[in-house]
Amino acid sequence: MSIASQAQVAAPHSSLAVLSEVMFAKGDEVKARNPNLPFWMTVVSVNPRTGFCQCNFGATGNYAGNFHQSELRFHGGTEYAQAAG
């Protein structure tokens, strides 16, 4: 049973909240919130369902990893919230 279906079983008459709000878009430049990771990265793709961003190192374009958007801060590009509204 998925989280969404569990939420509906628990509260069948209430609205289901969004599981993850998308904060970043493809092409955004980000930095990890962790001070031990001082590198900037470029967002390659975003999974809106899970909130994870696949990133490449900005200077080299090499794969940097998958980071949850809560682990990242905006470094440059177009913020999704401003572009959408």
C-alpha atoms as a PDB file:
ATOM      1  CA  MET A   1       0.000   0.000   0.000  1.00  0.00           C
ATOM      2  CA  SER A   2       1.452   3.376  -0.975  1.00  0.00           C
ATOM      3  CA  ILE A   3       1.739   6.377   1.320  1.00  0.00           C
ATOM      4  CA  ALA A   4      -0.967   8.163  -0.660  1.00  0.00           C
ATOM      5  CA  SER A   5      -3.448   5.302  -0.313  1.00  0.00           C
ATOM      6  CA  GLN A   6      -2.631   4.976   3.407  1.00  0.00           C
ATOM      7  CA  ALA A   7      -3.389   8.666   3.849  1.00  0.00           C
ATOM      8  CA  GLN A   8      -6.749   8.285   2.138  1.00  0.00           C
ATOM      9  CA  VAL A   9      -7.650   5.262   4.278  1.00  0.00           C
ATOM     10  CA  ALA A  10      -6.811   7.238   7.407  1.00  0.00           C
ATOM     11  CA  ALA A  11      -8.777  10.314   6.350  1.00  0.00           C
ATOM     12  CA  PRO A  12     -11.167   9.497   3.476  1.00  0.00           C
ATOM     13  CA  HIS A  13     -12.953  12.881   3.518  1.00  0.00           C
ATOM     14  CA  SER A  14      -9.938  15.177   3.728  1.00  0.00           C
ATOM     15  CA  SER A  15      -7.745  16.471   0.924  1.00  0.00           C
ATOM     16  CA  LEU A  16      -4.470  14.733   0.296  1.00  0.00           C
ATOM     17  CA  ALA A  17      -1.485  17.029   0.773  1.00  0.00           C
ATOM     18  CA  VAL A  18       1.297  17.222  -1.781  1.00  0.00           C
ATOM     19  CA  LEU A  19       4.084  14.886  -0.695  1.00  0.00           C
ATOM     20  CA  SER A  20       6.900  17.047  -2.033  1.00  0.00           C
ATOM     21  CA  GLU A  21       6.878  20.588  -3.391  1.00  0.00           C
ATOM     22  CA  VAL A  22       9.264  21.038  -6.314  1.00  0.00           C
ATOM     23  CA  MET A  23      11.771  23.764  -5.520  1.00  0.00           C
ATOM     24  CA  PHE A  24      14.344  23.285  -8.264  1.00  0.00           C
ATOM     25  CA  ALA A  25      14.174  22.827 -12.024  1.00  0.00           C
ATOM     26  CA  LYS A  26      16.475  21.294 -14.611  1.00  0.00           C
ATOM     27  CA  GLY A  27      19.391  23.634 -15.266  1.00  0.00           C
ATOM     28  CA  ASP A  28      19.389  25.307 -11.846  1.00  0.00           C
ATOM     29  CA  GLU A  29      22.716  25.691 -10.101  1.00  0.00           C
ATOM     30  CA  VAL A  30      22.684  24.424  -6.527  1.00  0.00           C
ATOM     31  CA  LYS A  31      25.020  23.860  -3.593  1.00  0.00           C
ATOM     32  CA  ALA A  32      24.675  21.295  -0.845  1.00  0.00           C
ATOM     33  CA  ARG A  33      23.660  22.698   2.543  1.00  0.00           C
ATOM     34  CA  ASN A  34      26.417  20.574   4.077  1.00  0.00           C
ATOM     35  CA  PRO A  35      29.512  22.805   4.488  1.00  0.00           C
ATOM     36  CA  ASN A  36      31.756  19.787   3.805  1.00  0.00           C
ATOM     37  CA  LEU A  37      30.485  19.760   0.187  1.00  0.00           C
ATOM     38  CA  PRO A  38      31.544  23.199  -1.119  1.00  0.00           C
ATOM     39  CA  PHE A  39      31.025  22.415  -4.823  1.00  0.00           C
ATOM     40  CA  TRP A  40      28.283  23.897  -6.963  1.00  0.00           C
ATOM     41  CA  MET A  41      26.268  21.531  -9.119  1.00  0.00           C
ATOM     42  CA  THR A  42      23.794  21.684 -11.993  1.00  0.00           C
ATOM     43  CA  VAL A  43      20.411  19.981 -11.645  1.00  0.00           C
ATOM     44  CA  VAL A  44      20.039  17.445 -14.475  1.00  0.00           C
ATOM     45  CA  SER A  45      16.596  16.124 -13.557  1.00  0.00           C
ATOM     46  CA  VAL A  46      14.021  16.424 -10.790  1.00  0.00           C
ATOM     47  CA  ASN A  47      11.645  13.727  -9.580  1.00  0.00           C
ATOM     48  CA  PRO A  48       8.607  15.715  -8.354  1.00  0.00           C
ATOM     49  CA  ARG A  49       7.152  12.640  -6.657  1.00  0.00           C
ATOM     50  CA  THR A  50      10.157  12.036  -4.387  1.00  0.00           C
ATOM     51  CA  GLY A  51      11.784  15.463  -4.333  1.00  0.00           C
ATOM     52  CA  PHE A  52      15.180  14.107  -5.406  1.00  0.00           C
ATOM     53  CA  CYS A  53      17.398  15.950  -7.878  1.00  0.00           C
ATOM     54  CA  GLN A  54      20.045  14.277 -10.020  1.00  0.00           C
ATOM     55  CA  CYS A  55      23.047  16.591 -10.166  1.00  0.00           C
ATOM     56  CA  ASN A  56      26.299  16.954 -12.074  1.00  0.00           C
ATOM     57  CA  PHE A  57      29.320  18.886 -10.847  1.00  0.00           C
ATOM     58  CA  GLY A  58      29.087  22.348 -12.349  1.00  0.00           C
ATOM     59  CA  ALA A  59      32.660  22.795 -13.546  1.00  0.00           C
ATOM     60  CA  THR A  60      33.203  19.326 -15.038  1.00  0.00           C
ATOM     61  CA  GLY A  61      29.722  18.005 -15.778  1.00  0.00           C
ATOM     62  CA  ASN A  62      30.583  14.706 -14.076  1.00  0.00           C
ATOM     63  CA  TYR A  63      27.880  12.883 -12.114  1.00  0.00           C
ATOM     64  CA  ALA A  64      27.666  14.267  -8.556  1.00  0.00           C
ATOM     65  CA  GLY A  65      24.784  12.190  -7.194  1.00  0.00           C
ATOM     66  CA  ASN A  66      21.142  12.335  -6.197  1.00  0.00           C
ATOM     67  CA  PHE A  67      20.205  14.807  -3.503  1.00  0.00           C
ATOM     68  CA  HIS A  68      16.881  15.508  -1.846  1.00  0.00           C
ATOM     69  CA  GLN A  69      15.887  19.106  -2.453  1.00  0.00           C
ATOM     70  CA  SER A  70      15.965  19.725   1.321  1.00  0.00           C
ATOM     71  CA  GLU A  71      19.730  19.038   1.164  1.00  0.00           C
ATOM     72  CA  LEU A  72      20.284  21.740  -1.464  1.00  0.00           C
ATOM     73  CA  ARG A  73      20.251  25.508  -1.623  1.00  0.00           C
ATOM     74  CA  PHE A  74      19.816  27.697  -4.671  1.00  0.00           C
ATOM     75  CA  HIS A  75      23.034  28.980  -6.285  1.00  0.00           C
ATOM     76  CA  GLY A  76      21.885  30.315  -9.687  1.00  0.00           C
ATOM     77  CA  GLY A  77      19.404  29.849 -12.535  1.00  0.00           C
ATOM     78  CA  THR A  78      15.643  30.365 -12.487  1.00  0.00           C
ATOM     79  CA  GLU A  79      13.821  29.552  -9.276  1.00  0.00           C
ATOM     80  CA  TYR A  80      10.852  27.311 -10.042  1.00  0.00           C
ATOM     81  CA  ALA A  81       8.515  29.108  -7.621  1.00  0.00           C
ATOM     82  CA  GLN A  82       9.117  32.467  -9.338  1.00  0.00           C
ATOM     83  CA  ALA A  83       8.804  31.025 -12.834  1.00  0.00           C
ATOM     84  CA  ALA A  84       5.516  29.282 -11.986  1.00  0.00           C
ATOM     85  CA  GLY A  85       3.870  32.280 -10.345  1.00  0.00           C
END
